[in-house]
Amino acid sequence: LFPKTFYENEYGTVGVVNEDEVDESIKIVEVTPYRTEGAYTDNRRPDF
């Protein structure tokens, strides 16, 4: 849906890049699908 994005994680988060935006807080808007998570066996990240 977007002209420039990046997707470098396993949790579904897509970075939508606003190239013409001067404000650094808005230059990238993170878009993440609704999700549920598996067990956290390492007490930090979901197994899936």
ModelCIF file with pLDDT and N, C-alpha, C, O atoms, coordinates in Angstrom:
data_MODEL
#
_entry.id   MODEL 
#
_entity.id                         1 
_entity.type                       polymer 
_entity.pdbx_number_of_molecules   1 
#
_entity_poly.entity_id                      1 
_entity_poly.type                           'polypeptide(L)' 
_entity_poly.nstd_linkage                   no 
_entity_poly.nstd_monomer                   no 
_entity_poly.pdbx_seq_one_letter_code       LFPKTFYENEYGTVGVVNEDEVDESIKIVEVTPYRTEGAYTDNRRPDF 
_entity_poly.pdbx_seq_one_letter_code_can   LFPKTFYENEYGTVGVVNEDEVDESIKIVEVTPYRTEGAYTDNRRPDF 
_entity_poly.pdbx_strand_id                 A 
#
loop_
_entity_poly_seq.entity_id 
_entity_poly_seq.num 
_entity_poly_seq.mon_id 
_entity_poly_seq.hetero 
1 1  LEU n 
1 2  PHE n 
1 3  PRO n 
1 4  LYS n 
1 5  THR n 
1 6  PHE n 
1 7  TYR n 
1 8  GLU n 
1 9  ASN n 
1 10 GLU n 
1 11 TYR n 
1 12 GLY n 
1 13 THR n 
1 14 VAL n 
1 15 GLY n 
1 16 VAL n 
1 17 VAL n 
1 18 ASN n 
1 19 GLU n 
1 20 ASP n 
1 21 GLU n 
1 22 VAL n 
1 23 ASP n 
1 24 GLU n 
1 25 SER n 
1 26 ILE n 
1 27 LYS n 
1 28 ILE n 
1 29 VAL n 
1 30 GLU n 
1 31 VAL n 
1 32 THR n 
1 33 PRO n 
1 34 TYR n 
1 35 ARG n 
1 36 THR n 
1 37 GLU n 
1 38 GLY n 
1 39 ALA n 
1 40 TYR n 
1 41 THR n 
1 42 ASP n 
1 43 ASN n 
1 44 ARG n 
1 45 ARG n 
1 46 PRO n 
1 47 ASP n 
1 48 PHE n 
#
_struct_asym.id          A 
_struct_asym.entity_id   1 
#
loop_
_ma_qa_metric.id 
_ma_qa_metric.mode 
_ma_qa_metric.name 
_ma_qa_metric.software_group_id 
_ma_qa_metric.type 
1 global pLDDT . pLDDT 
2 local  pLDDT . pLDDT 
#
_ma_qa_metric_global.metric_id      1 
_ma_qa_metric_global.metric_value   85.58 
_ma_qa_metric_global.model_id       1 
_ma_qa_metric_global.ordinal_id     1 
#
loop_
_ma_qa_metric_local.label_asym_id 
_ma_qa_metric_local.label_comp_id 
_ma_qa_metric_local.label_seq_id 
_ma_qa_metric_local.metric_id 
_ma_qa_metric_local.metric_value 
_ma_qa_metric_local.model_id 
_ma_qa_metric_local.ordinal_id 
A LEU 1  2 97.00 1 1  
A PHE 2  2 96.00 1 2  
A PRO 3  2 93.00 1 3  
A LYS 4  2 94.00 1 4  
A THR 5  2 95.00 1 5  
A PHE 6  2 93.00 1 6  
A TYR 7  2 91.00 1 7  
A GLU 8  2 81.00 1 8  
A ASN 9  2 77.00 1 9  
A GLU 10 2 75.00 1 10 
A TYR 11 2 79.00 1 11 
A GLY 12 2 87.00 1 12 
A THR 13 2 92.00 1 13 
A VAL 14 2 95.00 1 14 
A GLY 15 2 95.00 1 15 
A VAL 16 2 95.00 1 16 
A VAL 17 2 94.00 1 17 
A ASN 18 2 92.00 1 18 
A GLU 19 2 87.00 1 19 
A ASP 20 2 85.00 1 20 
A GLU 21 2 85.00 1 21 
A VAL 22 2 85.00 1 22 
A ASP 23 2 86.00 1 23 
A GLU 24 2 85.00 1 24 
A SER 25 2 84.00 1 25 
A ILE 26 2 91.00 1 26 
A LYS 27 2 92.00 1 27 
A ILE 28 2 94.00 1 28 
A VAL 29 2 96.00 1 29 
A GLU 30 2 95.00 1 30 
A VAL 31 2 96.00 1 31 
A THR 32 2 95.00 1 32 
A PRO 33 2 95.00 1 33 
A TYR 34 2 94.00 1 34 
A ARG 35 2 89.00 1 35 
A THR 36 2 85.00 1 36 
A GLU 37 2 78.00 1 37 
A GLY 38 2 73.00 1 38 
A ALA 39 2 73.00 1 39 
A TYR 40 2 70.00 1 40 
A THR 41 2 76.00 1 41 
A ASP 42 2 72.00 1 42 
A ASN 43 2 73.00 1 43 
A ARG 44 2 68.00 1 44 
A ARG 45 2 72.00 1 45 
A PRO 46 2 70.00 1 46 
A ASP 47 2 73.00 1 47 
A PHE 48 2 70.00 1 48 
#
loop_
_atom_site.group_PDB 
_atom_site.id 
_atom_site.type_symbol 
_atom_site.label_atom_id 
_atom_site.label_alt_id 
_atom_site.label_comp_id 
_atom_site.label_asym_id 
_atom_site.label_entity_id 
_atom_site.label_seq_id 
_atom_site.pdbx_PDB_ins_code 
_atom_site.Cartn_x 
_atom_site.Cartn_y 
_atom_site.Cartn_z 
_atom_site.occupancy 
_atom_site.B_iso_or_equiv 
_atom_site.pdbx_formal_charge 
_atom_site.auth_seq_id 
_atom_site.auth_comp_id 
_atom_site.auth_asym_id 
_atom_site.auth_atom_id 
_atom_site.pdbx_PDB_model_num 
ATOM 1   N N  . LEU A 1 1  ? 0.798  -1.231  0.000  1.00 97.00 ? 1  LEU A N  1 
ATOM 2   C CA . LEU A 1 1  ? 0.000  0.000   0.000  1.00 97.00 ? 1  LEU A CA 1 
ATOM 3   C C  . LEU A 1 1  ? 0.833  1.284   0.000  1.00 97.00 ? 1  LEU A C  1 
ATOM 4   O O  . LEU A 1 1  ? 0.304  2.366   -0.255 1.00 97.00 ? 1  LEU A O  1 
ATOM 5   N N  . PHE A 1 2  ? 2.138  1.168   0.286  1.00 96.00 ? 2  PHE A N  1 
ATOM 6   C CA . PHE A 1 2  ? 2.955  2.378   0.459  1.00 96.00 ? 2  PHE A CA 1 
ATOM 7   C C  . PHE A 1 2  ? 4.176  2.345   -0.458 1.00 96.00 ? 2  PHE A C  1 
ATOM 8   O O  . PHE A 1 2  ? 4.733  1.277   -0.712 1.00 96.00 ? 2  PHE A O  1 
ATOM 9   N N  . PRO A 1 3  ? 4.595  3.518   -0.958 1.00 93.00 ? 3  PRO A N  1 
ATOM 10  C CA . PRO A 1 3  ? 5.708  3.552   -1.918 1.00 93.00 ? 3  PRO A CA 1 
ATOM 11  C C  . PRO A 1 3  ? 7.054  3.154   -1.329 1.00 93.00 ? 3  PRO A C  1 
ATOM 12  O O  . PRO A 1 3  ? 7.872  2.547   -2.020 1.00 93.00 ? 3  PRO A O  1 
ATOM 13  N N  . LYS A 1 4  ? 7.298  3.487   -0.055 1.00 94.00 ? 4  LYS A N  1 
ATOM 14  C CA . LYS A 1 4  ? 8.592  3.134   0.543  1.00 94.00 ? 4  LYS A CA 1 
ATOM 15  C C  . LYS A 1 4  ? 8.382  2.600   1.954  1.00 94.00 ? 4  LYS A C  1 
ATOM 16  O O  . LYS A 1 4  ? 7.830  3.286   2.814  1.00 94.00 ? 4  LYS A O  1 
ATOM 17  N N  . THR A 1 5  ? 8.822  1.388   2.178  1.00 95.00 ? 5  THR A N  1 
ATOM 18  C CA . THR A 1 5  ? 8.700  0.751   3.495  1.00 95.00 ? 5  THR A CA 1 
ATOM 19  C C  . THR A 1 5  ? 9.954  -0.078  3.761  1.00 95.00 ? 5  THR A C  1 
ATOM 20  O O  . THR A 1 5  ? 10.761 -0.306  2.860  1.00 95.00 ? 5  THR A O  1 
ATOM 21  N N  . PHE A 1 6  ? 10.106 -0.524  4.999  1.00 93.00 ? 6  PHE A N  1 
ATOM 22  C CA . PHE A 1 6  ? 11.122 -1.531  5.303  1.00 93.00 ? 6  PHE A CA 1 
ATOM 23  C C  . PHE A 1 6  ? 10.538 -2.512  6.320  1.00 93.00 ? 6  PHE A C  1 
ATOM 24  O O  . PHE A 1 6  ? 9.707  -2.146  7.151  1.00 93.00 ? 6  PHE A O  1 
ATOM 25  N N  . TYR A 1 7  ? 10.981 -3.739  6.239  1.00 91.00 ? 7  TYR A N  1 
ATOM 26  C CA . TYR A 1 7  ? 10.418 -4.815  7.074  1.00 91.00 ? 7  TYR A CA 1 
ATOM 27  C C  . TYR A 1 7  ? 11.566 -5.719  7.468  1.00 91.00 ? 7  TYR A C  1 
ATOM 28  O O  . TYR A 1 7  ? 11.975 -6.581  6.690  1.00 91.00 ? 7  TYR A O  1 
ATOM 29  N N  . GLU A 1 8  ? 12.091 -5.532  8.669  1.00 81.00 ? 8  GLU A N  1 
ATOM 30  C CA . GLU A 1 8  ? 13.315 -6.222  9.081  1.00 81.00 ? 8  GLU A CA 1 
ATOM 31  C C  . GLU A 1 8  ? 13.156 -6.971  10.396 1.00 81.00 ? 8  GLU A C  1 
ATOM 32  O O  . GLU A 1 8  ? 14.136 -7.162  11.116 1.00 81.00 ? 8  GLU A O  1 
ATOM 33  N N  . ASN A 1 9  ? 11.953 -7.393  10.719 1.00 77.00 ? 9  ASN A N  1 
ATOM 34  C CA . ASN A 1 9  ? 11.743 -8.070  11.997 1.00 77.00 ? 9  ASN A CA 1 
ATOM 35  C C  . ASN A 1 9  ? 10.791 -9.239  11.806 1.00 77.00 ? 9  ASN A C  1 
ATOM 36  O O  . ASN A 1 9  ? 10.213 -9.428  10.736 1.00 77.00 ? 9  ASN A O  1 
ATOM 37  N N  . GLU A 1 10 ? 10.645 -10.008 12.858 1.00 75.00 ? 10 GLU A N  1 
ATOM 38  C CA . GLU A 1 10 ? 9.786  -11.193 12.780 1.00 75.00 ? 10 GLU A CA 1 
ATOM 39  C C  . GLU A 1 10 ? 8.458  -10.990 13.489 1.00 75.00 ? 10 GLU A C  1 
ATOM 40  O O  . GLU A 1 10 ? 7.718  -11.950 13.705 1.00 75.00 ? 10 GLU A O  1 
ATOM 41  N N  . TYR A 1 11 ? 8.149  -9.755  13.851 1.00 79.00 ? 11 TYR A N  1 
ATOM 42  C CA . TYR A 1 11 ? 6.933  -9.489  14.617 1.00 79.00 ? 11 TYR A CA 1 
ATOM 43  C C  . TYR A 1 11 ? 5.889  -8.715  13.825 1.00 79.00 ? 11 TYR A C  1 
ATOM 44  O O  . TYR A 1 11 ? 4.899  -8.244  14.384 1.00 79.00 ? 11 TYR A O  1 
ATOM 45  N N  . GLY A 1 12 ? 6.111  -8.586  12.524 1.00 87.00 ? 12 GLY A N  1 
ATOM 46  C CA . GLY A 1 12 ? 5.103  -7.999  11.658 1.00 87.00 ? 12 GLY A CA 1 
ATOM 47  C C  . GLY A 1 12 ? 5.184  -6.499  11.481 1.00 87.00 ? 12 GLY A C  1 
ATOM 48  O O  . GLY A 1 12 ? 4.418  -5.940  10.695 1.00 87.00 ? 12 GLY A O  1 
ATOM 49  N N  . THR A 1 13 ? 6.089  -5.820  12.185 1.00 92.00 ? 13 THR A N  1 
ATOM 50  C CA . THR A 1 13 ? 6.139  -4.356  12.127 1.00 92.00 ? 13 THR A CA 1 
ATOM 51  C C  . THR A 1 13 ? 6.771  -3.879  10.823 1.00 92.00 ? 13 THR A C  1 
ATOM 52  O O  . THR A 1 13 ? 7.903  -4.231  10.490 1.00 92.00 ? 13 THR A O  1 
ATOM 53  N N  . VAL A 1 14 ? 6.005  -3.069  10.096 1.00 95.00 ? 14 VAL A N  1 
ATOM 54  C CA . VAL A 1 14 ? 6.475  -2.484  8.840  1.00 95.00 ? 14 VAL A CA 1 
ATOM 55  C C  . VAL A 1 14 ? 6.724  -0.997  9.066  1.00 95.00 ? 14 VAL A C  1 
ATOM 56  O O  . VAL A 1 14 ? 5.849  -0.298  9.576  1.00 95.00 ? 14 VAL A O  1 
ATOM 57  N N  . GLY A 1 15 ? 7.885  -0.514  8.700  1.00 95.00 ? 15 GLY A N  1 
ATOM 58  C CA . GLY A 1 15 ? 8.180  0.908   8.800  1.00 95.00 ? 15 GLY A CA 1 
ATOM 59  C C  . GLY A 1 15 ? 7.756  1.613   7.524  1.00 95.00 ? 15 GLY A C  1 
ATOM 60  O O  . GLY A 1 15 ? 8.299  1.341   6.454  1.00 95.00 ? 15 GLY A O  1 
ATOM 61  N N  . VAL A 1 16 ? 6.794  2.511   7.626  1.00 95.00 ? 16 VAL A N  1 
ATOM 62  C CA . VAL A 1 16 ? 6.362  3.313   6.479  1.00 95.00 ? 16 VAL A CA 1 
ATOM 63  C C  . VAL A 1 16 ? 7.161  4.605   6.488  1.00 95.00 ? 16 VAL A C  1 
ATOM 64  O O  . VAL A 1 16 ? 7.123  5.360   7.460  1.00 95.00 ? 16 VAL A O  1 
ATOM 65  N N  . VAL A 1 17 ? 7.881  4.858   5.406  1.00 94.00 ? 17 VAL A N  1 
ATOM 66  C CA . VAL A 1 17 ? 8.809  5.993   5.345  1.00 94.00 ? 17 VAL A CA 1 
ATOM 67  C C  . VAL A 1 17 ? 8.141  7.182   4.664  1.00 94.00 ? 17 VAL A C  1 
ATOM 68  O O  . VAL A 1 17 ? 7.665  7.082   3.534  1.00 94.00 ? 17 VAL A O  1 
ATOM 69  N N  . ASN A 1 18 ? 8.114  8.308   5.370  1.00 92.00 ? 18 ASN A N  1 
ATOM 70  C CA . ASN A 1 18 ? 7.645  9.575   4.803  1.00 92.00 ? 18 ASN A CA 1 
ATOM 71  C C  . ASN A 1 18 ? 8.881  10.376  4.398  1.00 92.00 ? 18 ASN A C  1 
ATOM 72  O O  . ASN A 1 18 ? 9.425  11.130  5.206  1.00 92.00 ? 18 ASN A O  1 
ATOM 73  N N  . GLU A 1 19 ? 9.321  10.218  3.165  1.00 87.00 ? 19 GLU A N  1 
ATOM 74  C CA . GLU A 1 19 ? 10.610 10.779  2.731  1.00 87.00 ? 19 GLU A CA 1 
ATOM 75  C C  . GLU A 1 19 ? 10.661 12.300  2.792  1.00 87.00 ? 19 GLU A C  1 
ATOM 76  O O  . GLU A 1 19 ? 11.715 12.867  3.076  1.00 87.00 ? 19 GLU A O  1 
ATOM 77  N N  . ASP A 1 20 ? 9.547  12.967  2.531  1.00 85.00 ? 20 ASP A N  1 
ATOM 78  C CA . ASP A 1 20 ? 9.548  14.431  2.477  1.00 85.00 ? 20 ASP A CA 1 
ATOM 79  C C  . ASP A 1 20 ? 9.333  15.076  3.840  1.00 85.00 ? 20 ASP A C  1 
ATOM 80  O O  . ASP A 1 20 ? 9.311  16.302  3.953  1.00 85.00 ? 20 ASP A O  1 
ATOM 81  N N  . GLU A 1 21 ? 9.174  14.256  4.871  1.00 85.00 ? 21 GLU A N  1 
ATOM 82  C CA . GLU A 1 21 ? 8.882  14.788  6.204  1.00 85.00 ? 21 GLU A CA 1 
ATOM 83  C C  . GLU A 1 21 ? 10.153 15.280  6.874  1.00 85.00 ? 21 GLU A C  1 
ATOM 84  O O  . GLU A 1 21 ? 11.152 14.562  6.922  1.00 85.00 ? 21 GLU A O  1 
ATOM 85  N N  . VAL A 1 22 ? 10.118 16.514  7.396  1.00 85.00 ? 22 VAL A N  1 
ATOM 86  C CA . VAL A 1 22 ? 11.269 17.099  8.086  1.00 85.00 ? 22 VAL A CA 1 
ATOM 87  C C  . VAL A 1 22 ? 11.325 16.630  9.536  1.00 85.00 ? 22 VAL A C  1 
ATOM 88  O O  . VAL A 1 22 ? 12.407 16.371  10.061 1.00 85.00 ? 22 VAL A O  1 
ATOM 89  N N  . ASP A 1 23 ? 10.174 16.520  10.182 1.00 86.00 ? 23 ASP A N  1 
ATOM 90  C CA . ASP A 1 23 ? 10.082 16.114  11.585 1.00 86.00 ? 23 ASP A CA 1 
ATOM 91  C C  . ASP A 1 23 ? 10.506 14.653  11.726 1.00 86.00 ? 23 ASP A C  1 
ATOM 92  O O  . ASP A 1 23 ? 9.862  13.754  11.186 1.00 86.00 ? 23 ASP A O  1 
ATOM 93  N N  . GLU A 1 24 ? 11.605 14.430  12.465 1.00 85.00 ? 24 GLU A N  1 
ATOM 94  C CA . GLU A 1 24 ? 12.150 13.080  12.613 1.00 85.00 ? 24 GLU A CA 1 
ATOM 95  C C  . GLU A 1 24 ? 11.165 12.125  13.282 1.00 85.00 ? 24 GLU A C  1 
ATOM 96  O O  . GLU A 1 24 ? 11.201 10.925  13.014 1.00 85.00 ? 24 GLU A O  1 
ATOM 97  N N  . SER A 1 25 ? 10.282 12.636  14.152 1.00 84.00 ? 25 SER A N  1 
ATOM 98  C CA . SER A 1 25 ? 9.332  11.772  14.862 1.00 84.00 ? 25 SER A CA 1 
ATOM 99  C C  . SER A 1 25 ? 8.263  11.213  13.927 1.00 84.00 ? 25 SER A C  1 
ATOM 100 O O  . SER A 1 25 ? 7.561  10.265  14.276 1.00 84.00 ? 25 SER A O  1 
ATOM 101 N N  . ILE A 1 26 ? 8.143  11.803  12.739 1.00 91.00 ? 26 ILE A N  1 
ATOM 102 C CA . ILE A 1 26 ? 7.093  11.399  11.799 1.00 91.00 ? 26 ILE A CA 1 
ATOM 103 C C  . ILE A 1 26 ? 7.688  10.781  10.540 1.00 91.00 ? 26 ILE A C  1 
ATOM 104 O O  . ILE A 1 26 ? 6.957  10.246  9.706  1.00 91.00 ? 26 ILE A O  1 
ATOM 105 N N  . LYS A 1 27 ? 8.991  10.848  10.398 1.00 92.00 ? 27 LYS A N  1 
ATOM 106 C CA . LYS A 1 27 ? 9.642  10.358  9.180  1.00 92.00 ? 27 LYS A CA 1 
ATOM 107 C C  . LYS A 1 27 ? 9.341  8.880   8.960  1.00 92.00 ? 27 LYS A C  1 
ATOM 108 O O  . LYS A 1 27 ? 9.200  8.426   7.825  1.00 92.00 ? 27 LYS A O  1 
ATOM 109 N N  . ILE A 1 28 ? 9.244  8.136   10.063 1.00 94.00 ? 28 ILE A N  1 
ATOM 110 C CA . ILE A 1 28 ? 8.892  6.720   9.977  1.00 94.00 ? 28 ILE A CA 1 
ATOM 111 C C  . ILE A 1 28 ? 7.698  6.458   10.886 1.00 94.00 ? 28 ILE A C  1 
ATOM 112 O O  . ILE A 1 28 ? 7.742  6.759   12.078 1.00 94.00 ? 28 ILE A O  1 
ATOM 113 N N  . VAL A 1 29 ? 6.640  5.901   10.324 1.00 96.00 ? 29 VAL A N  1 
ATOM 114 C CA . VAL A 1 29 ? 5.471  5.487   11.105 1.00 96.00 ? 29 VAL A CA 1 
ATOM 115 C C  . VAL A 1 29 ? 5.454  3.960   11.100 1.00 96.00 ? 29 VAL A C  1 
ATOM 116 O O  . VAL A 1 29 ? 5.407  3.340   10.038 1.00 96.00 ? 29 VAL A O  1 
ATOM 117 N N  . GLU A 1 30 ? 5.492  3.362   12.278 1.00 95.00 ? 30 GLU A N  1 
ATOM 118 C CA . GLU A 1 30 ? 5.514  1.902   12.366 1.00 95.00 ? 30 GLU A CA 1 
ATOM 119 C C  . GLU A 1 30 ? 4.085  1.359   12.334 1.00 95.00 ? 30 GLU A C  1 
ATOM 120 O O  . GLU A 1 30 ? 3.223  1.789   13.100 1.00 95.00 ? 30 GLU A O  1 
ATOM 121 N N  . VAL A 1 31 ? 3.857  0.412   11.437 1.00 96.00 ? 31 VAL A N  1 
ATOM 122 C CA . VAL A 1 31 ? 2.537  -0.209  11.281 1.00 96.00 ? 31 VAL A CA 1 
ATOM 123 C C  . VAL A 1 31 ? 2.667  -1.692  11.588 1.00 96.00 ? 31 VAL A C  1 
ATOM 124 O O  . VAL A 1 31 ? 3.442  -2.401  10.945 1.00 96.00 ? 31 VAL A O  1 
ATOM 125 N N  . THR A 1 32 ? 1.907  -2.158  12.571 1.00 95.00 ? 32 THR A N  1 
ATOM 126 C CA . THR A 1 32 ? 1.996  -3.552  13.015 1.00 95.00 ? 32 THR A CA 1 
ATOM 127 C C  . THR A 1 32 ? 0.628  -4.209  12.944 1.00 95.00 ? 32 THR A C  1 
ATOM 128 O O  . THR A 1 32 ? -0.362 -3.628  13.390 1.00 95.00 ? 32 THR A O  1 
ATOM 129 N N  . PRO A 1 33 ? 0.558  -5.415  12.387 1.00 95.00 ? 33 PRO A N  1 
ATOM 130 C CA . PRO A 1 33 ? -0.719 -6.130  12.364 1.00 95.00 ? 33 PRO A CA 1 
ATOM 131 C C  . PRO A 1 33 ? -1.184 -6.485  13.784 1.00 95.00 ? 33 PRO A C  1 
ATOM 132 O O  . PRO A 1 33 ? -0.368 -6.663  14.689 1.00 95.00 ? 33 PRO A O  1 
ATOM 133 N N  . TYR A 1 34 ? -2.507 -6.585  13.960 1.00 94.00 ? 34 TYR A N  1 
ATOM 134 C CA . TYR A 1 34 ? -3.014 -7.160  15.212 1.00 94.00 ? 34 TYR A CA 1 
ATOM 135 C C  . TYR A 1 34 ? -2.333 -8.510  15.388 1.00 94.00 ? 34 TYR A C  1 
ATOM 136 O O  . TYR A 1 34 ? -2.153 -9.251  14.421 1.00 94.00 ? 34 TYR A O  1 
ATOM 137 N N  . ARG A 1 35 ? -1.959 -8.828  16.610 1.00 89.00 ? 35 ARG A N  1 
ATOM 138 C CA . ARG A 1 35 ? -1.301 -10.118 16.780 1.00 89.00 ? 35 ARG A CA 1 
ATOM 139 C C  . ARG A 1 35 ? -1.563 -10.700 18.153 1.00 89.00 ? 35 ARG A C  1 
ATOM 140 O O  . ARG A 1 35 ? -1.862 -9.987  19.111 1.00 89.00 ? 35 ARG A O  1 
ATOM 141 N N  . THR A 1 36 ? -1.443 -11.999 18.221 1.00 85.00 ? 36 THR A N  1 
ATOM 142 C CA . THR A 1 36 ? -1.382 -12.719 19.489 1.00 85.00 ? 36 THR A CA 1 
ATOM 143 C C  . THR A 1 36 ? 0.006  -13.343 19.554 1.00 85.00 ? 36 THR A C  1 
ATOM 144 O O  . THR A 1 36 ? 0.692  -13.441 18.536 1.00 85.00 ? 36 THR A O  1 
ATOM 145 N N  . GLU A 1 37 ? 0.423  -13.763 20.743 1.00 78.00 ? 37 GLU A N  1 
ATOM 146 C CA . GLU A 1 37 ? 1.792  -14.227 20.924 1.00 78.00 ? 37 GLU A CA 1 
ATOM 147 C C  . GLU A 1 37 ? 1.834  -15.546 21.661 1.00 78.00 ? 37 GLU A C  1 
ATOM 148 O O  . GLU A 1 37 ? 0.965  -15.853 22.476 1.00 78.00 ? 37 GLU A O  1 
ATOM 149 N N  . GLY A 1 38 ? 2.867  -16.325 21.357 1.00 73.00 ? 38 GLY A N  1 
ATOM 150 C CA . GLY A 1 38 ? 3.078  -17.578 22.055 1.00 73.00 ? 38 GLY A CA 1 
ATOM 151 C C  . GLY A 1 38 ? 3.767  -17.360 23.389 1.00 73.00 ? 38 GLY A C  1 
ATOM 152 O O  . GLY A 1 38 ? 3.862  -16.228 23.861 1.00 73.00 ? 38 GLY A O  1 
ATOM 153 N N  . ALA A 1 39 ? 4.247  -18.428 23.998 1.00 73.00 ? 39 ALA A N  1 
ATOM 154 C CA . ALA A 1 39 ? 4.925  -18.342 25.294 1.00 73.00 ? 39 ALA A CA 1 
ATOM 155 C C  . ALA A 1 39 ? 6.235  -17.567 25.155 1.00 73.00 ? 39 ALA A C  1 
ATOM 156 O O  . ALA A 1 39 ? 6.847  -17.530 24.088 1.00 73.00 ? 39 ALA A O  1 
ATOM 157 N N  . TYR A 1 40 ? 6.650  -16.946 26.269 1.00 70.00 ? 40 TYR A N  1 
ATOM 158 C CA . TYR A 1 40 ? 7.915  -16.207 26.324 1.00 70.00 ? 40 TYR A CA 1 
ATOM 159 C C  . TYR A 1 40 ? 8.932  -17.049 27.100 1.00 70.00 ? 40 TYR A C  1 
ATOM 160 O O  . TYR A 1 40 ? 9.176  -16.798 28.280 1.00 70.00 ? 40 TYR A O  1 
ATOM 161 N N  . THR A 1 41 ? 9.510  -18.029 26.450 1.00 76.00 ? 41 THR A N  1 
ATOM 162 C CA . THR A 1 41 ? 10.402 -18.926 27.197 1.00 76.00 ? 41 THR A CA 1 
ATOM 163 C C  . THR A 1 41 ? 11.703 -18.255 27.618 1.00 76.00 ? 41 THR A C  1 
ATOM 164 O O  . THR A 1 41 ? 12.361 -18.717 28.550 1.00 76.00 ? 41 THR A O  1 
ATOM 165 N N  . ASP A 1 42 ? 12.088 -17.160 26.937 1.00 72.00 ? 42 ASP A N  1 
ATOM 166 C CA . ASP A 1 42 ? 13.314 -16.448 27.317 1.00 72.00 ? 42 ASP A CA 1 
ATOM 167 C C  . ASP A 1 42 ? 13.018 -15.197 28.142 1.00 72.00 ? 42 ASP A C  1 
ATOM 168 O O  . ASP A 1 42 ? 13.917 -14.401 28.412 1.00 72.00 ? 42 ASP A O  1 
ATOM 169 N N  . ASN A 1 43 ? 11.751 -15.025 28.544 1.00 73.00 ? 43 ASN A N  1 
ATOM 170 C CA . ASN A 1 43 ? 11.323 -13.861 29.339 1.00 73.00 ? 43 ASN A CA 1 
ATOM 171 C C  . ASN A 1 43 ? 11.621 -12.533 28.648 1.00 73.00 ? 43 ASN A C  1 
ATOM 172 O O  . ASN A 1 43 ? 11.805 -11.506 29.301 1.00 73.00 ? 43 ASN A O  1 
ATOM 173 N N  . ARG A 1 44 ? 11.664 -12.571 27.320 1.00 68.00 ? 44 ARG A N  1 
ATOM 174 C CA . ARG A 1 44 ? 11.932 -11.332 26.583 1.00 68.00 ? 44 ARG A CA 1 
ATOM 175 C C  . ARG A 1 44 ? 11.115 -11.237 25.297 1.00 68.00 ? 44 ARG A C  1 
ATOM 176 O O  . ARG A 1 44 ? 10.518 -10.198 25.012 1.00 68.00 ? 44 ARG A O  1 
ATOM 177 N N  . ARG A 1 45 ? 11.089 -12.331 24.516 1.00 72.00 ? 45 ARG A N  1 
ATOM 178 C CA . ARG A 1 45 ? 10.380 -12.308 23.235 1.00 72.00 ? 45 ARG A CA 1 
ATOM 179 C C  . ARG A 1 45 ? 9.462  -13.514 23.121 1.00 72.00 ? 45 ARG A C  1 
ATOM 180 O O  . ARG A 1 45 ? 9.766  -14.578 23.662 1.00 72.00 ? 45 ARG A O  1 
ATOM 181 N N  . PRO A 1 46 ? 8.327  -13.359 22.414 1.00 70.00 ? 46 PRO A N  1 
ATOM 182 C CA . PRO A 1 46 ? 7.440  -14.509 22.222 1.00 70.00 ? 46 PRO A CA 1 
ATOM 183 C C  . PRO A 1 46 ? 8.084  -15.545 21.307 1.00 70.00 ? 46 PRO A C  1 
ATOM 184 O O  . PRO A 1 46 ? 8.829  -15.198 20.391 1.00 70.00 ? 46 PRO A O  1 
ATOM 185 N N  . ASP A 1 47 ? 7.794  -16.811 21.561 1.00 73.00 ? 47 ASP A N  1 
ATOM 186 C CA . ASP A 1 47 ? 8.341  -17.871 20.717 1.00 73.00 ? 47 ASP A CA 1 
ATOM 187 C C  . ASP A 1 47 ? 7.785  -17.788 19.299 1.00 73.00 ? 47 ASP A C  1 
ATOM 188 O O  . ASP A 1 47 ? 8.453  -18.167 18.337 1.00 73.00 ? 47 ASP A O  1 
ATOM 189 N N  . PHE A 1 48 ? 6.557  -17.289 19.180 1.00 70.00 ? 48 PHE A N  1 
ATOM 190 C CA . PHE A 1 48 ? 5.970  -17.072 17.850 1.00 70.00 ? 48 PHE A CA 1 
ATOM 191 C C  . PHE A 1 48 ? 4.879  -16.021 17.977 1.00 70.00 ? 48 PHE A C  1 
ATOM 192 O O  . PHE A 1 48 ? 4.240  -15.672 16.984 1.00 70.00 ? 48 PHE A O  1 
#
